[in-house]
Amino acid sequence: MEALPLTKVDIYFVAQNYSGRSYWSALMKARSREKALARTSNLTLEETASQGIKEVVGLLKTPCLVGLYADTVIPADSTFEPHTVEWHGERDDYQRPHFERVNVVAKFLFTLTDLSPDIAYLIPVAVQNCWTAFVVTENEHVEVVSGIENATDKERRLHLMAVTNGLSIVPSLPPPPICIRTDSEYVLTGEYGLRGWSRNWHTKHGEPLQNADLWQIVWEQHQKRPMLWQRLPREQADLCKSFAKLTLEQRGIKKQSV
């Protein structure tokens, strides 16, 4: 029987030094699905790059054909079985937008100067019809997920989609407290509204609650762990929205005129 073709996954990877520390940042793409990650490290730059590449490839659960786009040379002793890895050391015009998003995640990593190591941070943003969620866990581990929805979805719903999708990648064991940092006034209403809404998912005026399906997911998570709510600092908001805008541009969706 002829073997089935391997799933194609492209990884765009950067490792650099900044302010005396090493870091790596990566974007993984498989068809319409993608995830971005970033980590800081106390290792040498070469060790950081090697560790980062192995961690990213190690996330793949089934044998894949991996296109690895990186300025860093793969260490000679690296093994990636059961995957087949093809290394590409040069960037071209097609790859440039992907590396722009990789660099945005890296810049975001170095804005994390006021976080508690015992709390998971979720930062949801929405730009046009794209939602994006940045999740920061212990040791400044950053993961980013994003999606593009129907143009008819309203901004409020997109912000909540970012929240619920971000919650899905926060570690569940042990469940850390979650801090939702947002510039959405609508999302912030959850701090005081959730408990009352959860009685019957209607407003205090007896009307069905808008986006109740998504608020219910937030409430379920709230029952499992403490949940804090904070206003998102401007610098972090700008970087997260920049990632969303680049995602739209990379998918060929033009910016809407005001």
Protein backbone atom coordinates (compact mmCIF):
# COMPACT_ATOMS: atom_id res chain seq x y z
CA MET A 1 0.00 0.00 0.00
CA GLU A 2 1.33 3.46 -0.90
CA ALA A 3 2.28 5.56 2.11
CA LEU A 4 0.10 8.57 2.85
CA PRO A 5 1.76 11.96 2.29
CA LEU A 6 3.14 13.65 5.38
CA THR A 7 1.35 16.71 6.77
CA LYS A 8 3.23 19.85 5.69
CA VAL A 9 4.15 22.25 8.47
CA ASP A 10 6.17 25.44 8.03
CA ILE A 11 8.10 26.89 10.97
CA TYR A 12 9.55 30.41 10.92
CA PHE A 13 12.16 30.67 13.66
CA VAL A 14 14.32 33.46 15.09
CA ALA A 15 16.87 33.33 17.94
CA GLN A 16 18.71 36.46 19.07
CA ASN A 17 20.27 38.28 22.01
CA TYR A 18 18.59 41.32 23.52
CA SER A 19 19.59 43.29 26.61
CA GLY A 20 21.97 40.57 27.74
CA ARG A 21 19.43 37.75 27.38
CA SER A 22 18.79 35.17 24.69
CA TYR A 23 15.36 34.44 23.29
CA TRP A 24 13.68 32.53 20.53
CA SER A 25 10.42 33.18 18.73
CA ALA A 26 8.60 31.04 16.18
CA LEU A 27 5.49 30.83 14.02
CA MET A 28 4.06 27.40 13.11
CA LYS A 29 1.75 27.10 10.09
CA ALA A 30 -0.14 24.04 8.88
CA ARG A 31 -2.76 24.79 6.23
CA SER A 32 -5.15 27.28 7.81
CA ARG A 33 -3.97 26.63 11.38
CA GLU A 34 -1.13 28.48 13.05
CA LYS A 35 0.41 29.20 16.42
CA ALA A 36 3.18 31.55 17.54
CA LEU A 37 5.48 30.99 20.52
CA ALA A 38 8.33 32.77 22.28
CA ARG A 39 10.63 32.06 25.21
CA THR A 40 13.51 33.78 27.00
CA SER A 41 16.56 31.80 28.08
CA ASN A 42 19.63 32.06 30.28
CA LEU A 43 21.58 29.80 27.89
CA THR A 44 23.98 30.85 25.17
CA LEU A 45 22.43 31.95 21.88
CA GLU A 46 23.43 28.69 20.18
CA GLU A 47 21.98 26.61 23.03
CA THR A 48 18.83 28.73 23.05
CA ALA A 49 18.31 28.23 19.31
CA SER A 50 18.88 24.47 19.57
CA GLN A 51 16.50 24.15 22.52
CA GLY A 52 13.87 26.30 20.82
CA ILE A 53 13.88 24.38 17.54
CA LYS A 54 13.61 21.07 19.37
CA GLU A 55 10.72 22.35 21.50
CA VAL A 56 8.76 23.68 18.52
CA VAL A 57 9.22 20.57 16.38
CA GLY A 58 8.45 18.46 19.45
CA LEU A 59 4.94 19.94 19.57
CA LEU A 60 4.01 18.02 16.42
CA LYS A 61 2.12 14.90 17.43
CA THR A 62 2.12 13.00 14.11
CA PRO A 63 4.89 12.55 11.48
CA CYS A 64 5.21 15.74 9.45
CA LEU A 65 7.21 17.22 6.62
CA VAL A 66 8.64 20.33 8.26
CA GLY A 67 9.89 23.33 6.35
CA LEU A 68 12.15 25.12 8.86
CA TYR A 69 12.93 28.72 7.91
CA ALA A 70 15.66 29.99 10.22
CA ASP A 71 18.87 32.00 10.19
CA THR A 72 20.15 29.52 12.76
CA VAL A 73 21.89 26.39 11.54
CA ILE A 74 20.39 23.18 12.90
CA PRO A 75 22.86 21.53 15.30
CA ALA A 76 24.53 18.46 13.78
CA ASP A 77 23.37 16.19 16.61
CA SER A 78 19.70 17.17 16.28
CA THR A 79 17.25 14.36 15.62
CA PHE A 80 13.64 15.04 14.75
CA GLU A 81 12.22 11.58 14.19
CA PRO A 82 9.54 10.74 13.15
CA HIS A 83 9.52 14.06 11.26
CA THR A 84 11.34 14.98 8.07
CA VAL A 85 12.89 18.44 8.42
CA GLU A 86 14.02 20.59 5.50
CA TRP A 87 16.10 23.59 6.57
CA HIS A 88 15.89 26.86 4.62
CA GLY A 89 18.40 29.49 5.65
CA GLU A 90 17.43 32.34 3.33
CA ARG A 91 14.37 34.57 3.46
CA ASP A 92 12.40 35.70 0.43
CA ASP A 93 9.47 38.07 -0.14
CA TYR A 94 6.94 35.34 0.62
CA GLN A 95 8.48 34.57 4.01
CA ARG A 96 8.97 38.20 5.10
CA PRO A 97 5.39 38.76 6.44
CA HIS A 98 5.66 35.61 8.55
CA PHE A 99 8.94 36.77 10.07
CA GLU A 100 7.37 40.18 10.77
CA ARG A 101 4.85 38.45 13.03
CA VAL A 102 7.61 36.38 14.65
CA ASN A 103 9.41 39.63 15.50
CA VAL A 104 6.22 41.19 16.93
CA VAL A 105 5.89 38.27 19.36
CA ALA A 106 9.55 38.71 20.34
CA LYS A 107 9.02 42.43 21.00
CA PHE A 108 5.95 41.60 23.09
CA LEU A 109 8.06 39.19 25.15
CA PHE A 110 10.25 42.06 26.34
CA THR A 111 7.32 44.19 27.50
CA LEU A 112 6.56 41.64 30.23
CA THR A 113 8.18 43.46 33.12
CA ASP A 114 5.30 43.64 35.62
CA LEU A 115 3.90 40.13 35.69
CA SER A 116 3.54 37.69 38.59
CA PRO A 117 5.17 34.29 37.89
CA ASP A 118 2.24 32.52 39.59
CA ILE A 119 -0.46 33.90 37.28
CA ALA A 120 -1.33 33.08 33.67
CA TYR A 121 -2.04 36.19 31.61
CA LEU A 122 -4.52 36.26 28.72
CA ILE A 123 -4.54 39.23 26.35
CA PRO A 124 -7.41 39.22 23.83
CA VAL A 125 -7.62 41.71 20.92
CA ALA A 126 -9.76 42.07 17.81
CA VAL A 127 -8.96 43.87 14.55
CA GLN A 128 -11.59 43.91 11.81
CA ASN A 129 -12.72 40.27 11.66
CA CYS A 130 -9.55 38.80 13.21
CA TRP A 131 -9.32 37.77 16.85
CA THR A 132 -5.95 37.17 18.51
CA ALA A 133 -5.07 35.88 21.98
CA PHE A 134 -1.65 36.18 23.64
CA VAL A 135 -1.19 33.82 26.60
CA VAL A 136 1.73 34.23 29.01
CA THR A 137 2.52 31.51 31.54
CA GLU A 138 5.36 30.85 33.99
CA ASN A 139 8.92 31.71 32.99
CA GLU A 140 7.62 34.15 30.36
CA HIS A 141 6.36 31.46 28.01
CA VAL A 142 4.27 33.14 25.32
CA GLU A 143 1.80 31.42 23.00
CA VAL A 144 -0.35 33.18 20.42
CA VAL A 145 -3.43 31.88 18.62
CA SER A 146 -5.56 33.79 16.12
CA GLY A 147 -8.44 33.26 13.76
CA ILE A 148 -10.42 35.05 11.09
CA GLU A 149 -14.19 34.88 11.33
CA ASN A 150 -17.15 35.95 9.20
CA ALA A 151 -17.21 39.63 8.38
CA THR A 152 -20.64 39.81 10.04
CA ASP A 153 -19.24 38.98 13.48
CA LYS A 154 -19.34 42.03 15.69
CA GLU A 155 -16.27 43.40 17.49
CA ARG A 156 -17.65 42.44 20.90
CA ARG A 157 -18.06 38.82 19.87
CA LEU A 158 -14.57 38.76 18.32
CA HIS A 159 -13.07 39.95 21.60
CA LEU A 160 -14.86 37.16 23.43
CA MET A 161 -13.70 34.63 20.83
CA ALA A 162 -10.16 35.73 21.61
CA VAL A 163 -10.84 35.19 25.32
CA THR A 164 -12.35 31.70 24.94
CA ASN A 165 -9.70 30.51 22.49
CA GLY A 166 -6.99 31.87 24.75
CA LEU A 167 -8.48 30.08 27.74
CA SER A 168 -8.28 26.82 25.79
CA ILE A 169 -4.47 26.93 25.73
CA VAL A 170 -3.88 27.96 29.35
CA PRO A 171 -2.42 24.99 31.27
CA SER A 172 -5.14 23.10 33.13
CA LEU A 173 -2.95 21.18 35.59
CA PRO A 174 -2.39 22.69 37.99
CA PRO A 175 -4.91 25.43 37.15
CA PRO A 176 -3.15 28.77 37.67
CA PRO A 177 -5.09 31.96 38.40
CA ILE A 178 -5.84 33.80 35.16
CA CYS A 179 -5.55 37.53 34.62
CA ILE A 180 -7.42 38.85 31.57
CA ARG A 181 -5.78 42.03 30.35
CA THR A 182 -7.89 43.84 27.78
CA ASP A 183 -8.70 47.22 26.30
CA SER A 184 -12.25 46.07 25.56
CA GLU A 185 -14.79 47.70 27.88
CA TYR A 186 -17.19 44.90 26.92
CA VAL A 187 -14.86 42.15 28.12
CA LEU A 188 -14.17 44.06 31.33
CA THR A 189 -17.91 43.97 32.19
CA GLY A 190 -17.38 40.27 32.90
CA GLU A 191 -15.62 41.11 36.17
CA TYR A 192 -18.87 42.25 37.79
CA GLY A 193 -21.50 40.77 35.46
CA LEU A 194 -20.62 37.09 35.20
CA ARG A 195 -21.96 35.93 38.55
CA GLY A 196 -25.35 37.52 37.98
CA TRP A 197 -25.61 36.44 34.33
CA SER A 198 -24.79 32.84 35.24
CA ARG A 199 -28.14 32.41 37.03
CA ASN A 200 -30.13 32.24 33.78
CA TRP A 201 -27.97 33.96 31.11
CA HIS A 202 -30.35 36.89 30.87
CA THR A 203 -29.74 40.55 31.62
CA LYS A 204 -31.18 42.20 34.71
CA HIS A 205 -33.98 43.43 32.45
CA GLY A 206 -34.93 39.87 31.52
CA GLU A 207 -33.54 39.97 28.00
CA PRO A 208 -31.38 37.12 26.60
CA LEU A 209 -27.70 37.88 27.17
CA GLN A 210 -25.78 38.59 23.98
CA ASN A 211 -22.97 36.11 23.29
CA ALA A 212 -24.17 33.92 26.14
CA ASP A 213 -22.53 30.86 24.55
CA LEU A 214 -19.10 32.46 24.92
CA TRP A 215 -19.72 33.98 28.35
CA GLN A 216 -20.69 30.51 29.57
CA ILE A 217 -17.25 29.21 28.58
CA VAL A 218 -15.63 32.05 30.53
CA TRP A 219 -17.83 31.27 33.53
CA GLU A 220 -16.89 27.57 33.43
CA GLN A 221 -13.22 28.52 33.63
CA HIS A 222 -13.98 31.00 36.39
CA GLN A 223 -15.37 28.14 38.48
CA LYS A 224 -12.11 26.21 38.16
CA ARG A 225 -9.66 28.96 39.12
CA PRO A 226 -9.47 32.58 40.30
CA MET A 227 -9.91 35.10 37.50
CA LEU A 228 -8.59 38.66 37.59
CA TRP A 229 -9.38 41.51 35.20
CA GLN A 230 -7.01 44.35 34.27
CA ARG A 231 -6.83 47.10 31.70
CA LEU A 232 -4.25 46.36 29.00
CA PRO A 233 -1.19 48.66 28.88
CA ARG A 234 -0.98 50.65 25.64
CA GLU A 235 2.38 49.24 24.50
CA GLN A 236 1.18 45.65 24.79
CA ALA A 237 -2.13 46.49 23.10
CA ASP A 238 -0.33 48.05 20.13
CA LEU A 239 1.90 44.98 19.64
CA CYS A 240 -0.98 42.50 19.92
CA LYS A 241 -3.05 44.47 17.41
CA SER A 242 -0.02 44.71 15.13
CA PHE A 243 0.14 40.90 15.08
CA ALA A 244 -3.57 40.75 14.17
CA LYS A 245 -3.15 43.33 11.40
CA LEU A 246 -0.21 41.41 9.93
CA THR A 247 -2.29 38.23 10.07
CA LEU A 248 -4.99 39.93 8.01
CA GLU A 249 -2.45 41.28 5.53
CA GLN A 250 -0.81 37.88 5.18
CA ARG A 251 -4.22 36.36 4.39
CA GLY A 252 -4.80 39.04 1.74
CA ILE A 253 -7.50 40.94 3.64
CA LYS A 254 -7.14 44.68 3.16
CA LYS A 255 -7.58 47.19 5.92
CA GLN A 256 -11.06 48.64 6.06
CA SER A 257 -11.38 52.35 5.41
CA VAL A 258 -12.62 54.45 8.30
